[in-house]
N, C-alpha and C. Protein backbone atom coordinates (compact mmCIF):
# COMPACT_ATOMS: atom_id res chain seq x y z
N MET A 1 26.19 14.97 46.66
CA MET A 1 25.31 15.01 45.53
C MET A 1 24.92 13.68 45.45
N ASP A 2 23.60 13.68 45.21
CA ASP A 2 22.76 12.29 45.05
C ASP A 2 22.97 11.89 43.67
N SER A 3 23.11 10.42 43.59
CA SER A 3 23.08 9.81 41.92
C SER A 3 21.92 9.87 41.55
N ILE A 4 21.56 10.33 40.28
CA ILE A 4 20.37 10.04 39.60
C ILE A 4 20.68 8.92 38.55
N PRO A 5 19.95 7.69 38.50
CA PRO A 5 20.04 6.80 37.48
C PRO A 5 19.79 7.33 36.09
N ILE A 6 20.56 7.23 35.14
CA ILE A 6 20.35 7.38 33.89
C ILE A 6 20.41 6.44 32.97
N ASP A 7 19.57 6.06 32.04
CA ASP A 7 19.55 5.12 31.19
C ASP A 7 20.17 5.44 29.84
N ARG A 8 21.23 6.30 29.86
CA ARG A 8 21.98 6.59 28.58
C ARG A 8 23.31 6.54 28.60
N SER A 9 24.02 6.45 27.67
CA SER A 9 25.45 6.49 27.59
C SER A 9 25.82 6.98 26.15
N PHE A 10 27.20 7.22 26.04
CA PHE A 10 27.82 7.69 25.01
C PHE A 10 29.16 6.96 24.77
N THR A 11 29.59 6.83 23.59
CA THR A 11 31.07 6.45 23.17
C THR A 11 31.74 7.64 22.79
N LEU A 12 32.82 7.80 23.14
CA LEU A 12 33.74 8.82 22.81
C LEU A 12 34.93 8.27 22.08
N THR A 13 35.17 8.53 20.78
CA THR A 13 36.32 7.92 20.00
C THR A 13 36.95 9.19 19.64
N ARG A 14 38.31 9.08 19.76
CA ARG A 14 39.36 9.90 19.35
C ARG A 14 40.56 9.32 19.01
N HIS A 15 41.18 9.65 17.90
CA HIS A 15 42.55 9.01 17.54
C HIS A 15 43.57 10.11 17.61
N VAL A 16 44.38 9.57 18.39
CA VAL A 16 45.70 10.39 18.55
C VAL A 16 46.94 9.66 18.18
N ASN A 17 48.04 10.44 17.99
CA ASN A 17 49.39 9.83 17.47
C ASN A 17 49.92 9.73 18.83
N ALA A 18 49.60 8.65 19.66
CA ALA A 18 50.34 8.11 20.81
C ALA A 18 50.22 7.16 21.26
N SER A 19 51.03 6.36 22.15
CA SER A 19 50.86 5.23 22.52
C SER A 19 49.49 5.09 23.42
N ARG A 20 49.15 3.85 23.63
CA ARG A 20 47.86 3.55 24.25
C ARG A 20 48.12 3.94 25.74
N SER A 21 49.09 3.67 26.40
CA SER A 21 49.44 4.01 27.66
C SER A 21 49.56 5.46 28.01
N LEU A 22 50.13 6.20 26.92
CA LEU A 22 50.28 7.57 27.11
C LEU A 22 48.84 8.43 26.95
N ALA A 23 47.86 7.68 26.04
CA ALA A 23 46.65 8.24 25.94
C ALA A 23 45.90 8.00 27.24
N PHE A 24 46.01 6.86 27.54
CA PHE A 24 45.41 6.46 29.12
C PHE A 24 45.73 7.54 30.17
N GLN A 25 46.88 7.68 30.29
CA GLN A 25 47.51 8.70 31.19
C GLN A 25 47.17 10.02 30.90
N ALA A 26 46.96 10.38 29.78
CA ALA A 26 46.36 11.89 29.44
C ALA A 26 44.96 12.14 30.03
N TRP A 27 44.34 11.02 30.08
CA TRP A 27 42.72 10.93 30.52
C TRP A 27 42.79 10.58 32.04
N THR A 28 43.81 10.33 32.49
CA THR A 28 43.68 9.72 33.90
C THR A 28 44.63 10.38 35.10
N ASP A 29 45.56 11.24 34.59
CA ASP A 29 46.42 11.86 35.40
C ASP A 29 46.05 13.46 35.29
N PRO A 30 45.72 13.75 36.64
CA PRO A 30 45.30 15.31 36.64
C PRO A 30 46.13 16.49 36.06
N ASP A 31 47.62 16.19 36.11
CA ASP A 31 48.33 17.12 35.46
C ASP A 31 47.98 17.20 33.94
N HIS A 32 48.00 16.01 33.37
CA HIS A 32 47.70 15.95 31.75
C HIS A 32 46.20 16.47 31.62
N LEU A 33 45.23 16.34 32.42
CA LEU A 33 43.76 16.77 32.28
C LEU A 33 43.84 18.04 32.42
N ALA A 34 44.69 18.74 33.11
CA ALA A 34 44.45 20.12 33.39
C ALA A 34 45.15 21.00 32.11
N LYS A 35 46.07 20.38 31.19
CA LYS A 35 46.43 20.78 30.03
C LYS A 35 45.42 20.43 28.85
N TRP A 36 44.62 19.71 29.11
CA TRP A 36 43.41 19.38 28.03
C TRP A 36 42.18 20.24 28.11
N PHE A 37 41.75 20.47 29.54
CA PHE A 37 40.57 20.88 29.76
C PHE A 37 40.64 22.23 30.38
N LEU A 38 41.58 22.95 30.97
CA LEU A 38 41.77 24.30 31.67
C LEU A 38 42.24 25.23 30.62
N ASN A 39 41.73 26.44 30.46
CA ASN A 39 42.05 27.42 29.63
C ASN A 39 43.45 28.15 30.27
N PRO A 40 44.50 28.11 29.86
CA PRO A 40 45.73 28.63 30.31
C PRO A 40 45.50 30.27 30.51
N ASP A 41 44.66 30.91 29.75
CA ASP A 41 44.43 32.35 29.87
C ASP A 41 43.62 32.79 31.11
N HIS A 42 42.96 31.79 31.75
CA HIS A 42 42.19 31.98 33.04
C HIS A 42 42.59 31.31 34.13
N PRO A 43 42.52 31.82 35.35
CA PRO A 43 42.50 31.05 36.50
C PRO A 43 41.96 29.84 36.57
N PRO A 44 42.61 28.71 37.05
CA PRO A 44 42.04 27.31 37.25
C PRO A 44 40.84 27.47 38.17
N PRO A 45 39.75 26.54 38.27
CA PRO A 45 38.73 26.61 39.21
C PRO A 45 39.38 26.37 40.61
N ALA A 46 38.56 26.76 41.70
CA ALA A 46 38.90 26.13 43.08
C ALA A 46 38.92 24.62 43.34
N GLU A 47 37.94 23.97 42.56
CA GLU A 47 37.78 22.70 42.92
C GLU A 47 38.85 21.76 42.14
N PRO A 48 39.37 20.88 42.76
CA PRO A 48 40.63 20.25 42.01
C PRO A 48 39.98 19.18 41.16
N ILE A 49 40.84 18.75 40.26
CA ILE A 49 40.66 17.54 39.45
C ILE A 49 40.72 16.36 40.24
N VAL A 50 39.63 15.64 40.08
CA VAL A 50 39.54 14.33 40.93
C VAL A 50 39.60 13.04 40.20
N VAL A 51 40.50 12.21 40.24
CA VAL A 51 40.69 10.97 39.45
C VAL A 51 40.72 9.86 40.59
N ASP A 52 39.67 9.09 40.55
CA ASP A 52 39.80 7.93 41.38
C ASP A 52 39.13 6.61 40.63
N LEU A 53 39.75 5.99 39.95
CA LEU A 53 39.56 5.04 38.96
C LEU A 53 39.33 3.51 39.59
N ARG A 54 38.99 3.60 40.69
CA ARG A 54 38.38 2.33 41.28
C ARG A 54 37.02 2.19 41.07
N VAL A 55 36.44 1.03 41.13
CA VAL A 55 34.89 0.66 40.64
C VAL A 55 34.28 1.71 41.98
N GLY A 56 33.35 2.31 41.56
CA GLY A 56 32.78 3.22 42.51
C GLY A 56 33.37 4.52 42.51
N GLY A 57 34.50 4.71 42.14
CA GLY A 57 34.93 6.12 42.04
C GLY A 57 34.47 7.11 41.30
N THR A 58 35.26 8.25 41.08
CA THR A 58 34.77 9.34 40.27
C THR A 58 35.84 10.20 39.62
N TRP A 59 35.67 10.40 38.30
CA TRP A 59 36.73 11.25 37.38
C TRP A 59 35.68 12.60 37.36
N ARG A 60 36.33 13.59 37.94
CA ARG A 60 35.63 14.99 38.08
C ARG A 60 36.56 16.10 37.68
N LEU A 61 36.32 17.17 36.68
CA LEU A 61 36.86 18.30 36.76
C LEU A 61 35.78 19.45 36.33
N ILE A 62 36.48 20.67 36.26
CA ILE A 62 35.49 21.67 35.87
C ILE A 62 36.16 22.35 34.64
N MET A 63 35.61 22.08 33.46
CA MET A 63 36.31 22.68 32.20
C MET A 63 36.07 24.06 32.03
N VAL A 64 37.29 24.81 31.93
CA VAL A 64 37.27 26.18 31.88
C VAL A 64 37.29 26.59 30.42
N HIS A 65 36.33 27.37 29.95
CA HIS A 65 36.39 27.76 28.63
C HIS A 65 36.94 29.40 28.32
N ASP A 66 36.22 30.24 29.39
CA ASP A 66 36.66 31.58 29.38
C ASP A 66 36.03 32.09 30.85
N ALA A 67 36.07 33.34 31.16
CA ALA A 67 35.88 33.80 32.41
C ALA A 67 34.24 33.70 32.85
N GLU A 68 33.46 33.62 31.74
CA GLU A 68 32.13 33.45 32.05
C GLU A 68 31.59 32.12 31.97
N SER A 69 32.41 31.18 31.56
CA SER A 69 32.01 29.75 31.11
C SER A 69 32.90 28.85 31.93
N ALA A 70 32.38 28.03 32.59
CA ALA A 70 32.88 26.73 33.34
C ALA A 70 32.14 25.56 33.41
N LYS A 71 32.39 24.38 32.71
CA LYS A 71 31.55 23.25 32.38
C LYS A 71 31.83 22.41 33.46
N PRO A 72 31.08 21.76 34.27
CA PRO A 72 31.39 20.45 35.26
C PRO A 72 31.36 19.41 34.33
N GLN A 73 32.45 18.50 34.59
CA GLN A 73 32.48 17.06 34.03
C GLN A 73 32.54 16.27 35.03
N ARG A 74 31.72 15.01 34.92
CA ARG A 74 31.92 13.98 35.94
C ARG A 74 31.53 12.63 35.34
N ILE A 75 32.50 11.60 35.71
CA ILE A 75 32.23 10.30 35.17
C ILE A 75 32.15 9.58 36.34
N ASP A 76 31.09 8.74 36.73
CA ASP A 76 31.10 7.68 37.64
C ASP A 76 31.36 6.32 37.18
N LEU A 77 32.50 5.71 37.96
CA LEU A 77 32.92 4.44 37.32
C LEU A 77 32.07 3.30 38.03
N ARG A 78 31.70 2.20 37.07
CA ARG A 78 30.86 1.32 37.50
C ARG A 78 31.50 -0.08 37.08
N SER A 79 32.45 0.10 36.32
CA SER A 79 33.17 -1.25 36.13
C SER A 79 34.60 -1.01 35.87
N GLU A 80 35.25 -2.04 35.85
CA GLU A 80 36.92 -1.91 35.61
C GLU A 80 37.09 -2.56 34.34
N SER A 81 38.35 -1.66 33.84
CA SER A 81 38.72 -2.03 32.34
C SER A 81 40.34 -2.06 32.55
N ASP A 82 40.74 -3.05 31.63
CA ASP A 82 42.30 -2.88 31.56
C ASP A 82 42.58 -1.96 30.26
N PRO A 83 43.39 -0.90 30.50
CA PRO A 83 43.56 -0.13 29.46
C PRO A 83 44.21 -0.49 28.40
N SER A 84 45.03 -2.04 28.36
CA SER A 84 45.66 -2.48 27.19
C SER A 84 44.73 -3.20 26.48
N ILE A 85 43.51 -3.39 26.97
CA ILE A 85 42.43 -4.02 25.99
C ILE A 85 41.89 -3.02 25.37
N ASP A 86 41.65 -3.39 23.88
CA ASP A 86 40.72 -2.47 23.13
C ASP A 86 39.28 -2.88 23.32
N VAL A 87 38.47 -2.15 23.79
CA VAL A 87 36.97 -2.61 24.03
C VAL A 87 36.19 -2.19 23.14
N ARG A 88 36.51 -1.79 21.94
CA ARG A 88 35.50 -1.80 20.87
C ARG A 88 34.82 -2.81 20.34
């Protein structure tokens, strides 16, 4: 898949009752991501969850809502950040 340059971005803010390291793990560990983004009532997509946190890597999964709805999610990592630093 070719990359298309896009001059847009967004900020996702979510407050959770968890340590910073556990919240980071929940967004970067495929087993945790499956619990957040896959519907347990439907089979998982054939494509595996991909988490490559190196600069130039990709975070990718197919979010399953129901039998007719699967939404591809993809983040291309362009810079490195220490999860212990609050970047707000």
